[in-house]
């Protein structure tokens, strides 16, 4: 099960906003406000990561926009972020796009 799973809305095309009640920090390995993820094609992406409030997290930045474009992500697609595979030293997390119904 993914740490985070969200069906993208229009606002998420500029920055991914996660609103949820977190019992603890879901991305404890994030350093200096950047999160490194590896996508299904093997590309490494560095997103800006901000904690806006106790239950609001935001992913943004130039790499977020490039990730959306390179992976042809659209409103209605689902994005899952989970812990990396044990063999992947380049990133702390993995990201997957599930293209549903569109």
PDB file of N, CA and C in Angstrom:
ATOM      1  N   UNK A   1       0.835  -1.182   0.000  1.00  0.00           N
ATOM      2  CA  UNK A   1       0.000   0.000   0.000  1.00  0.00           C
ATOM      3  C   UNK A   1       0.881   1.247   0.000  1.00  0.00           C
ATOM      4  N   UNK A   2       0.538   2.219  -0.829  1.00  0.00           N
ATOM      5  CA  UNK A   2       1.328   3.437  -0.982  1.00  0.00           C
ATOM      6  C   UNK A   2       1.223   4.325   0.259  1.00  0.00           C
ATOM      7  N   UNK A   3       2.283   5.094   0.498  1.00  0.00           N
ATOM      8  CA  UNK A   3       2.267   6.098   1.566  1.00  0.00           C
ATOM      9  C   UNK A   3       1.227   7.145   1.224  1.00  0.00           C
ATOM     10  N   UNK A   4       1.169   7.474  -0.053  1.00  0.00           N
ATOM     11  CA  UNK A   4       0.287   8.514  -0.543  1.00  0.00           C
ATOM     12  C   UNK A   4      -0.322   8.065  -1.859  1.00  0.00           C
ATOM     13  N   UNK A   5      -1.598   8.270  -2.011  1.00  0.00           N
ATOM     14  CA  UNK A   5      -2.292   7.958  -3.251  1.00  0.00           C
ATOM     15  C   UNK A   5      -3.328   9.051  -3.472  1.00  0.00           C
ATOM     16  N   UNK A   6      -3.284   9.665  -4.654  1.00  0.00           N
ATOM     17  CA  UNK A   6      -4.239  10.747  -4.922  1.00  0.00           C
ATOM     18  C   UNK A   6      -4.638  10.767  -6.379  1.00  0.00           C
ATOM     19  N   UNK A   7      -5.929  10.943  -6.621  1.00  0.00           N
ATOM     20  CA  UNK A   7      -6.433  11.190  -7.971  1.00  0.00           C
ATOM     21  C   UNK A   7      -6.275  12.690  -8.213  1.00  0.00           C
ATOM     22  N   UNK A   8      -5.570  13.021  -9.282  1.00  0.00           N
ATOM     23  CA  UNK A   8      -5.199  14.410  -9.524  1.00  0.00           C
ATOM     24  C   UNK A   8      -6.388  15.265  -9.954  1.00  0.00           C
ATOM     25  N   UNK A   9      -6.408  16.467  -9.404  1.00  0.00           N
ATOM     26  CA  UNK A   9      -7.391  17.485  -9.739  1.00  0.00           C
ATOM     27  C   UNK A   9      -6.678  18.593 -10.512  1.00  0.00           C
ATOM     28  N   UNK A  10      -7.430  19.548 -11.012  1.00  0.00           N
ATOM     29  CA  UNK A  10      -6.856  20.630 -11.824  1.00  0.00           C
ATOM     30  C   UNK A  10      -5.725  21.360 -11.098  1.00  0.00           C
ATOM     31  N   UNK A  11      -5.917  21.712  -9.825  1.00  0.00           N
ATOM     32  CA  UNK A  11      -4.881  22.433  -9.071  1.00  0.00           C
ATOM     33  C   UNK A  11      -3.599  21.623  -8.930  1.00  0.00           C
ATOM     34  N   UNK A  12      -3.698  20.307  -8.944  1.00  0.00           N
ATOM     35  CA  UNK A  12      -2.517  19.449  -8.789  1.00  0.00           C
ATOM     36  C   UNK A  12      -1.594  19.517  -9.993  1.00  0.00           C
ATOM     37  N   UNK A  13      -2.053  20.071 -11.089  1.00  0.00           N
ATOM     38  CA  UNK A  13      -1.217  20.175 -12.281  1.00  0.00           C
ATOM     39  C   UNK A  13      -0.151  21.267 -12.116  1.00  0.00           C
ATOM     40  N   UNK A  14      -0.295  22.117 -11.125  1.00  0.00           N
ATOM     41  CA  UNK A  14       0.722  23.125 -10.792  1.00  0.00           C
ATOM     42  C   UNK A  14       1.554  22.700  -9.591  1.00  0.00           C
ATOM     43  N   UNK A  15       0.905  22.092  -8.622  1.00  0.00           N
ATOM     44  CA  UNK A  15       1.562  21.575  -7.427  1.00  0.00           C
ATOM     45  C   UNK A  15       0.625  20.539  -6.802  1.00  0.00           C
ATOM     46  N   UNK A  16       1.197  19.449  -6.368  1.00  0.00           N
ATOM     47  CA  UNK A  16       0.407  18.371  -5.773  1.00  0.00           C
ATOM     48  C   UNK A  16       0.145  18.695  -4.317  1.00  0.00           C
ATOM     49  N   UNK A  17      -1.103  18.875  -3.963  1.00  0.00           N
ATOM     50  CA  UNK A  17      -1.480  19.195  -2.592  1.00  0.00           C
ATOM     51  C   UNK A  17      -2.157  17.986  -1.962  1.00  0.00           C
ATOM     52  N   UNK A  18      -1.622  17.572  -0.828  1.00  0.00           N
ATOM     53  CA  UNK A  18      -2.164  16.433  -0.101  1.00  0.00           C
ATOM     54  C   UNK A  18      -2.759  16.944   1.198  1.00  0.00           C
ATOM     55  N   UNK A  19      -4.042  16.729   1.370  1.00  0.00           N
ATOM     56  CA  UNK A  19      -4.693  17.074   2.635  1.00  0.00           C
ATOM     57  C   UNK A  19      -5.181  15.782   3.255  1.00  0.00           C
ATOM     58  N   UNK A  20      -4.660  15.494   4.412  1.00  0.00           N
ATOM     59  CA  UNK A  20      -4.987  14.251   5.097  1.00  0.00           C
ATOM     60  C   UNK A  20      -4.613  14.439   6.560  1.00  0.00           C
ATOM     61  N   UNK A  21      -5.135  13.599   7.404  1.00  0.00           N
ATOM     62  CA  UNK A  21      -4.743  13.608   8.796  1.00  0.00           C
ATOM     63  C   UNK A  21      -3.602  12.617   8.955  1.00  0.00           C
ATOM     64  N   UNK A  22      -2.422  13.135   9.270  1.00  0.00           N
ATOM     65  CA  UNK A  22      -1.236  12.311   9.403  1.00  0.00           C
ATOM     66  C   UNK A  22      -0.944  12.077  10.881  1.00  0.00           C
ATOM     67  N   UNK A  23      -0.792  10.817  11.273  1.00  0.00           N
ATOM     68  CA  UNK A  23      -0.446  10.519  12.657  1.00  0.00           C
ATOM     69  C   UNK A  23       1.040  10.767  12.904  1.00  0.00           C
ATOM     70  N   UNK A  24       1.845  10.688  11.838  1.00  0.00           N
ATOM     71  CA  UNK A  24       3.268  11.014  11.895  1.00  0.00           C
ATOM     72  C   UNK A  24       3.687  11.504  10.513  1.00  0.00           C
ATOM     73  N   UNK A  25       4.885  12.061  10.418  1.00  0.00           N
ATOM     74  CA  UNK A  25       5.359  12.593   9.139  1.00  0.00           C
ATOM     75  C   UNK A  25       5.525  11.459   8.131  1.00  0.00           C
ATOM     76  N   UNK A  26       4.776  11.489   7.021  1.00  0.00           N
ATOM     77  CA  UNK A  26       4.833  10.397   6.049  1.00  0.00           C
ATOM     78  C   UNK A  26       6.134  10.359   5.240  1.00  0.00           C
ATOM     79  N   UNK A  27       6.839  11.471   5.162  1.00  0.00           N
ATOM     80  CA  UNK A  27       8.074  11.525   4.381  1.00  0.00           C
ATOM     81  C   UNK A  27       9.238  11.951   5.270  1.00  0.00           C
ATOM     82  N   UNK A  28       9.522  11.128   6.249  1.00  0.00           N
ATOM     83  CA  UNK A  28      10.553  11.438   7.244  1.00  0.00           C
ATOM     84  C   UNK A  28      11.958  11.489   6.652  1.00  0.00           C
ATOM     85  N   UNK A  29      12.178  10.860   5.505  1.00  0.00           N
ATOM     86  CA  UNK A  29      13.511  10.833   4.899  1.00  0.00           C
ATOM     87  C   UNK A  29      13.808  12.058   4.044  1.00  0.00           C
ATOM     88  N   UNK A  30      12.898  12.986   3.940  1.00  0.00           N
ATOM     89  CA  UNK A  30      13.081  14.166   3.085  1.00  0.00           C
ATOM     90  C   UNK A  30      14.128  15.076   3.710  1.00  0.00           C
ATOM     91  N   UNK A  31      15.089  15.483   2.880  1.00  0.00           N
ATOM     92  CA  UNK A  31      16.163  16.362   3.334  1.00  0.00           C
ATOM     93  C   UNK A  31      16.040  17.727   2.652  1.00  0.00           C
ATOM     94  N   UNK A  32      16.210  18.790   3.416  1.00  0.00           N
ATOM     95  CA  UNK A  32      16.286  20.164   2.886  1.00  0.00           C
ATOM     96  C   UNK A  32      15.108  20.552   2.012  1.00  0.00           C
ATOM     97  N   UNK A  33      13.917  20.055   2.298  1.00  0.00           N
ATOM     98  CA  UNK A  33      12.743  20.447   1.535  1.00  0.00           C
ATOM     99  C   UNK A  33      12.653  19.865   0.146  1.00  0.00           C
ATOM    100  N   UNK A  34      13.463  18.864  -0.162  1.00  0.00           N
ATOM    101  CA  UNK A  34      13.437  18.199  -1.475  1.00  0.00           C
ATOM    102  C   UNK A  34      13.169  16.717  -1.258  1.00  0.00           C
ATOM    103  N   UNK A  35      12.350  16.164  -2.130  1.00  0.00           N
ATOM    104  CA  UNK A  35      12.079  14.732  -2.086  1.00  0.00           C
ATOM    105  C   UNK A  35      12.545  14.138  -3.409  1.00  0.00           C
ATOM    106  N   UNK A  36      13.319  13.062  -3.337  1.00  0.00           N
ATOM    107  CA  UNK A  36      13.815  12.393  -4.544  1.00  0.00           C
ATOM    108  C   UNK A  36      13.004  11.127  -4.767  1.00  0.00           C
ATOM    109  N   UNK A  37      12.413  11.030  -5.959  1.00  0.00           N
ATOM    110  CA  UNK A  37      11.603   9.863  -6.309  1.00  0.00           C
ATOM    111  C   UNK A  37      12.087   9.289  -7.634  1.00  0.00           C
ATOM    112  N   UNK A  38      11.833   8.017  -7.823  1.00  0.00           N
ATOM    113  CA  UNK A  38      12.180   7.343  -9.072  1.00  0.00           C
ATOM    114  C   UNK A  38      10.885   6.859  -9.706  1.00  0.00           C
ATOM    115  N   UNK A  39      10.706   7.189 -10.999  1.00  0.00           N
ATOM    116  CA  UNK A  39       9.481   6.769 -11.680  1.00  0.00           C
ATOM    117  C   UNK A  39       9.663   5.409 -12.343  1.00  0.00           C
ATOM    118  N   UNK A  40       8.617   4.937 -12.985  1.00  0.00           N
ATOM    119  CA  UNK A  40       8.613   3.601 -13.589  1.00  0.00           C
ATOM    120  C   UNK A  40       9.592   3.464 -14.748  1.00  0.00           C
ATOM    121  N   UNK A  41       9.993   4.588 -15.353  1.00  0.00           N
ATOM    122  CA  UNK A  41      10.956   4.552 -16.456  1.00  0.00           C
ATOM    123  C   UNK A  41      12.394   4.616 -15.945  1.00  0.00           C
ATOM    124  N   UNK A  42      12.555   4.800 -14.643  1.00  0.00           N
ATOM    125  CA  UNK A  42      13.887   4.866 -14.050  1.00  0.00           C
ATOM    126  C   UNK A  42      14.429   6.276 -13.896  1.00  0.00           C
ATOM    127  N   UNK A  43      13.637   7.287 -14.224  1.00  0.00           N
ATOM    128  CA  UNK A  43      14.079   8.681 -14.077  1.00  0.00           C
ATOM    129  C   UNK A  43      13.984   9.110 -12.621  1.00  0.00           C
ATOM    130  N   UNK A  44      14.944   9.916 -12.205  1.00  0.00           N
ATOM    131  CA  UNK A  44      14.960  10.466 -10.848  1.00  0.00           C
ATOM    132  C   UNK A  44      14.421  11.889 -10.907  1.00  0.00           C
ATOM    133  N   UNK A  45      13.504  12.197  -9.999  1.00  0.00           N
ATOM    134  CA  UNK A  45      12.890  13.523  -9.936  1.00  0.00           C
ATOM    135  C   UNK A  45      13.093  14.091  -8.538  1.00  0.00           C
ATOM    136  N   UNK A  46      13.361  15.400  -8.468  1.00  0.00           N
ATOM    137  CA  UNK A  46      13.520  16.100  -7.192  1.00  0.00           C
ATOM    138  C   UNK A  46      12.404  17.138  -7.081  1.00  0.00           C
ATOM    139  N   UNK A  47      11.436  16.838  -6.244  1.00  0.00           N
ATOM    140  CA  UNK A  47      10.317  17.758  -6.040  1.00  0.00           C
ATOM    141  C   UNK A  47      10.577  18.601  -4.797  1.00  0.00           C
ATOM    142  N   UNK A  48      10.092  19.829  -4.820  1.00  0.00           N
ATOM    143  CA  UNK A  48      10.065  20.650  -3.609  1.00  0.00           C
ATOM    144  C   UNK A  48       9.010  20.029  -2.703  1.00  0.00           C
ATOM    145  N   UNK A  49       9.292  19.966  -1.409  1.00  0.00           N
ATOM    146  CA  UNK A  49       8.353  19.385  -0.460  1.00  0.00           C
ATOM    147  C   UNK A  49       8.171  20.357   0.698  1.00  0.00           C
ATOM    148  N   UNK A  50       6.927  20.744   0.936  1.00  0.00           N
ATOM    149  CA  UNK A  50       6.637  21.689   2.011  1.00  0.00           C
ATOM    150  C   UNK A  50       5.527  21.148   2.897  1.00  0.00           C
ATOM    151  N   UNK A  51       5.709  21.343   4.181  1.00  0.00           N
ATOM    152  CA  UNK A  51       4.667  21.033   5.158  1.00  0.00           C
ATOM    153  C   UNK A  51       3.966  22.351   5.445  1.00  0.00           C
ATOM    154  N   UNK A  52       2.747  22.480   4.949  1.00  0.00           N
ATOM    155  CA  UNK A  52       1.999  23.731   5.114  1.00  0.00           C
ATOM    156  C   UNK A  52       1.278  23.800   6.454  1.00  0.00           C
ATOM    157  N   UNK A  53       0.809  22.659   6.914  1.00  0.00           N
ATOM    158  CA  UNK A  53       0.138  22.585   8.207  1.00  0.00           C
ATOM    159  C   UNK A  53       0.166  21.131   8.663  1.00  0.00           C
ATOM    160  N   UNK A  54      -0.433  20.862   9.778  1.00  0.00           N
ATOM    161  CA  UNK A  54      -0.421  19.503  10.331  1.00  0.00           C
ATOM    162  C   UNK A  54      -0.994  18.473   9.353  1.00  0.00           C
ATOM    163  N   UNK A  55      -1.941  18.878   8.551  1.00  0.00           N
ATOM    164  CA  UNK A  55      -2.565  17.931   7.627  1.00  0.00           C
ATOM    165  C   UNK A  55      -2.550  18.412   6.172  1.00  0.00           C
ATOM    166  N   UNK A  56      -1.506  19.166   5.797  1.00  0.00           N
ATOM    167  CA  UNK A  56      -1.387  19.612   4.402  1.00  0.00           C
ATOM    168  C   UNK A  56       0.075  19.568   3.968  1.00  0.00           C
ATOM    169  N   UNK A  57       0.345  18.799   2.911  1.00  0.00           N
ATOM    170  CA  UNK A  57       1.679  18.675   2.325  1.00  0.00           C
ATOM    171  C   UNK A  57       1.607  19.088   0.858  1.00  0.00           C
ATOM    172  N   UNK A  58       2.682  19.713   0.340  1.00  0.00           N
ATOM    173  CA  UNK A  58       2.688  20.174  -1.047  1.00  0.00           C
ATOM    174  C   UNK A  58       3.979  19.739  -1.731  1.00  0.00           C
ATOM    175  N   UNK A  59       3.825  19.165  -2.927  1.00  0.00           N
ATOM    176  CA  UNK A  59       4.938  18.836  -3.815  1.00  0.00           C
ATOM    177  C   UNK A  59       4.866  19.816  -4.980  1.00  0.00           C
ATOM    178  N   UNK A  60       5.996  20.416  -5.332  1.00  0.00           N
ATOM    179  CA  UNK A  60       5.972  21.400  -6.408  1.00  0.00           C
ATOM    180  C   UNK A  60       7.357  21.516  -7.035  1.00  0.00           C
ATOM    181  N   UNK A  61       7.522  22.545  -7.855  1.00  0.00           N
ATOM    182  CA  UNK A  61       8.815  22.841  -8.449  1.00  0.00           C
ATOM    183  C   UNK A  61       8.899  22.453  -9.914  1.00  0.00           C
ATOM    184  N   UNK A  62      10.014  22.834 -10.496  1.00  0.00           N
ATOM    185  CA  UNK A  62      10.263  22.603 -11.920  1.00  0.00           C
ATOM    186  C   UNK A  62      10.172  21.116 -12.263  1.00  0.00           C
ATOM    187  N   UNK A  63      10.729  20.268 -11.407  1.00  0.00           N
ATOM    188  CA  UNK A  63      10.699  18.833 -11.705  1.00  0.00           C
ATOM    189  C   UNK A  63       9.290  18.257 -11.639  1.00  0.00           C
ATOM    190  N   UNK A  64       8.421  18.818 -10.795  1.00  0.00           N
ATOM    191  CA  UNK A  64       7.031  18.335 -10.747  1.00  0.00           C
ATOM    192  C   UNK A  64       6.383  18.560 -12.114  1.00  0.00           C
ATOM    193  N   UNK A  65       6.551  19.753 -12.654  1.00  0.00           N
ATOM    194  CA  UNK A  65       5.958  20.066 -13.962  1.00  0.00           C
ATOM    195  C   UNK A  65       6.560  19.198 -15.065  1.00  0.00           C
ATOM    196  N   UNK A  66       7.855  18.976 -15.031  1.00  0.00           N
ATOM    197  CA  UNK A  66       8.505  18.117 -16.027  1.00  0.00           C
ATOM    198  C   UNK A  66       8.047  16.668 -15.891  1.00  0.00           C
ATOM    199  N   UNK A  67       7.881  16.218 -14.659  1.00  0.00           N
ATOM    200  CA  UNK A  67       7.382  14.858 -14.420  1.00  0.00           C
ATOM    201  C   UNK A  67       6.008  14.674 -15.053  1.00  0.00           C
ATOM    202  N   UNK A  68       5.108  15.639 -14.831  1.00  0.00           N
ATOM    203  CA  UNK A  68       3.763  15.564 -15.402  1.00  0.00           C
ATOM    204  C   UNK A  68       3.820  15.493 -16.926  1.00  0.00           C
ATOM    205  N   UNK A  69       4.652  16.332 -17.517  1.00  0.00           N
ATOM    206  CA  UNK A  69       4.760  16.375 -18.973  1.00  0.00           C
ATOM    207  C   UNK A  69       5.372  15.091 -19.526  1.00  0.00           C
ATOM    208  N   UNK A  70       6.479  14.650 -18.957  1.00  0.00           N
ATOM    209  CA  UNK A  70       7.167  13.452 -19.461  1.00  0.00           C
ATOM    210  C   UNK A  70       6.330  12.188 -19.333  1.00  0.00           C
ATOM    211  N   UNK A  71       5.501  12.119 -18.295  1.00  0.00           N
ATOM    212  CA  UNK A  71       4.689  10.933 -18.057  1.00  0.00           C
ATOM    213  C   UNK A  71       3.253  11.084 -18.565  1.00  0.00           C
ATOM    214  N   UNK A  72       3.002  12.191 -19.264  1.00  0.00           N
ATOM    215  CA  UNK A  72       1.675  12.471 -19.828  1.00  0.00           C
ATOM    216  C   UNK A  72       0.557  12.329 -18.784  1.00  0.00           C
ATOM    217  N   UNK A  73       0.813  12.918 -17.626  1.00  0.00           N
ATOM    218  CA  UNK A  73      -0.141  12.849 -16.523  1.00  0.00           C
ATOM    219  C   UNK A  73      -1.240  13.877 -16.751  1.00  0.00           C
ATOM    220  N   UNK A  74      -2.464  13.481 -16.509  1.00  0.00           N
ATOM    221  CA  UNK A  74      -3.633  14.335 -16.715  1.00  0.00           C
ATOM    222  C   UNK A  74      -4.524  14.326 -15.470  1.00  0.00           C
ATOM    223  N   UNK A  75      -5.419  15.289 -15.410  1.00  0.00           N
ATOM    224  CA  UNK A  75      -6.430  15.322 -14.360  1.00  0.00           C
ATOM    225  C   UNK A  75      -7.200  14.005 -14.414  1.00  0.00           C
ATOM    226  N   UNK A  76      -7.424  13.396 -13.262  1.00  0.00           N
ATOM    227  CA  UNK A  76      -8.131  12.125 -13.191  1.00  0.00           C
ATOM    228  C   UNK A  76      -7.205  10.933 -13.056  1.00  0.00           C
ATOM    229  N   UNK A  77      -5.923  11.092 -13.413  1.00  0.00           N
ATOM    230  CA  UNK A  77      -4.955  10.021 -13.199  1.00  0.00           C
ATOM    231  C   UNK A  77      -4.623   9.960 -11.715  1.00  0.00           C
ATOM    232  N   UNK A  78      -4.203   8.788 -11.264  1.00  0.00           N
ATOM    233  CA  UNK A  78      -3.832   8.618  -9.860  1.00  0.00           C
ATOM    234  C   UNK A  78      -2.311   8.567  -9.736  1.00  0.00           C
ATOM    235  N   UNK A  79      -1.789   9.245  -8.722  1.00  0.00           N
ATOM    236  CA  UNK A  79      -0.371   9.208  -8.419  1.00  0.00           C
ATOM    237  C   UNK A  79      -0.192   8.503  -7.078  1.00  0.00           C
ATOM    238  N   UNK A  80       0.686   7.501  -7.059  1.00  0.00           N
ATOM    239  CA  UNK A  80       1.036   6.788  -5.831  1.00  0.00           C
ATOM    240  C   UNK A  80       2.496   7.050  -5.523  1.00  0.00           C
ATOM    241  N   UNK A  81       2.804   7.375  -4.279  1.00  0.00           N
ATOM    242  CA  UNK A  81       4.188   7.506  -3.828  1.00  0.00           C
ATOM    243  C   UNK A  81       4.370   6.522  -2.682  1.00  0.00           C
ATOM    244  N   UNK A  82       5.448   5.756  -2.774  1.00  0.00           N
ATOM    245  CA  UNK A  82       5.716   4.732  -1.773  1.00  0.00           C
ATOM    246  C   UNK A  82       7.209   4.668  -1.520  1.00  0.00           C
ATOM    247  N   UNK A  83       7.589   3.878  -0.518  1.00  0.00           N
ATOM    248  CA  UNK A  83       9.009   3.686  -0.250  1.00  0.00           C
ATOM    249  C   UNK A  83       9.665   3.054  -1.458  1.00  0.00           C
ATOM    250  N   UNK A  84      10.927   3.366  -1.669  1.00  0.00           N
ATOM    251  CA  UNK A  84      11.674   2.849  -2.813  1.00  0.00           C
ATOM    252  C   UNK A  84      11.880   1.347  -2.702  1.00  0.00           C
ATOM    253  N   UNK A  85      12.223   0.777  -3.831  1.00  0.00           N
ATOM    254  CA  UNK A  85      12.657  -0.609  -3.837  1.00  0.00           C
ATOM    255  C   UNK A  85      14.012  -0.651  -3.141  1.00  0.00           C
ATOM    256  N   UNK A  86      14.317  -1.732  -2.477  1.00  0.00           N
ATOM    257  CA  UNK A  86      15.565  -1.821  -1.707  1.00  0.00           C
ATOM    258  C   UNK A  86      16.807  -1.661  -2.575  1.00  0.00           C
ATOM    259  N   UNK A  87      16.713  -1.954  -3.868  1.00  0.00           N
ATOM    260  CA  UNK A  87      17.873  -1.875  -4.748  1.00  0.00           C
ATOM    261  C   UNK A  87      18.129  -0.478  -5.294  1.00  0.00           C
ATOM    262  N   UNK A  88      17.260   0.454  -5.063  1.00  0.00           N
ATOM    263  CA  UNK A  88      17.375   1.790  -5.655  1.00  0.00           C
ATOM    264  C   UNK A  88      18.061   2.753  -4.675  1.00  0.00           C
ATOM    265  N   UNK A  89      19.325   3.047  -4.930  1.00  0.00           N
ATOM    266  CA  UNK A  89      20.073   3.941  -4.051  1.00  0.00           C
ATOM    267  C   UNK A  89      19.905   5.413  -4.436  1.00  0.00           C
ATOM    268  N   UNK A  90      19.428   5.708  -5.646  1.00  0.00           N
ATOM    269  CA  UNK A  90      19.372   7.094  -6.108  1.00  0.00           C
ATOM    270  C   UNK A  90      18.212   7.896  -5.530  1.00  0.00           C
ATOM    271  N   UNK A  91      17.188   7.239  -5.046  1.00  0.00           N
ATOM    272  CA  UNK A  91      15.992   7.945  -4.579  1.00  0.00           C
ATOM    273  C   UNK A  91      15.485   7.327  -3.281  1.00  0.00           C
ATOM    274  N   UNK A  92      14.778   8.145  -2.514  1.00  0.00           N
ATOM    275  CA  UNK A  92      14.195   7.657  -1.261  1.00  0.00           C
ATOM    276  C   UNK A  92      12.826   7.033  -1.461  1.00  0.00           C
ATOM    277  N   UNK A  93      12.146   7.420  -2.541  1.00  0.00           N
ATOM    278  CA  UNK A  93      10.777   6.974  -2.777  1.00  0.00           C
ATOM    279  C   UNK A  93      10.588   6.617  -4.246  1.00  0.00           C
ATOM    280  N   UNK A  94       9.509   5.910  -4.530  1.00  0.00           N
ATOM    281  CA  UNK A  94       9.150   5.626  -5.917  1.00  0.00           C
ATOM    282  C   UNK A  94       7.794   6.268  -6.185  1.00  0.00           C
ATOM    283  N   UNK A  95       7.568   6.639  -7.440  1.00  0.00           N
ATOM    284  CA  UNK A  95       6.313   7.269  -7.837  1.00  0.00           C
ATOM    285  C   UNK A  95       5.751   6.514  -9.028  1.00  0.00           C
ATOM    286  N   UNK A  96       4.448   6.317  -8.998  1.00  0.00           N
ATOM    287  CA  UNK A  96       3.774   5.577 -10.062  1.00  0.00           C
ATOM    288  C   UNK A  96       2.531   6.341 -10.481  1.00  0.00           C
ATOM    289  N   UNK A  97       2.281   6.371 -11.780  1.00  0.00           N
ATOM    290  CA  UNK A  97       1.079   7.009 -12.314  1.00  0.00           C
ATOM    291  C   UNK A  97       0.158   5.915 -12.808  1.00  0.00           C
ATOM    292  N   UNK A  98      -1.074   5.917 -12.326  1.00  0.00           N
ATOM    293  CA  UNK A  98      -2.087   4.966 -12.772  1.00  0.00           C
ATOM    294  C   UNK A  98      -3.102   5.769 -13.581  1.00  0.00           C
ATOM    295  N   UNK A  99      -3.144   5.482 -14.864  1.00  0.00           N
ATOM    296  CA  UNK A  99      -4.017   6.230 -15.775  1.00  0.00           C
ATOM    297  C   UNK A  99      -5.369   5.538 -15.824  1.00  0.00           C
ATOM    298  N   UNK A 100      -6.305   6.100 -15.085  1.00  0.00           N
ATOM    299  CA  UNK A 100      -7.618   5.477 -14.915  1.00  0.00           C
ATOM    300  C   UNK A 100      -8.690   6.205 -15.696  1.00  0.00           C
ATOM    301  N   UNK A 101      -9.423   5.498 -16.477  1.00  0.00           N
ATOM    302  CA  UNK A 101     -10.662   5.965 -17.084  1.00  0.00           C
ATOM    303  C   UNK A 101     -10.589   7.150 -18.024  1.00  0.00           C
ATOM    304  N   UNK A 102      -9.407   7.607 -18.384  1.00  0.00           N
ATOM    305  CA  UNK A 102      -9.342   8.775 -19.260  1.00  0.00           C
ATOM    306  C   UNK A 102      -8.514   8.482 -20.467  1.00  0.00           C
TER     307      UNK A 102
END
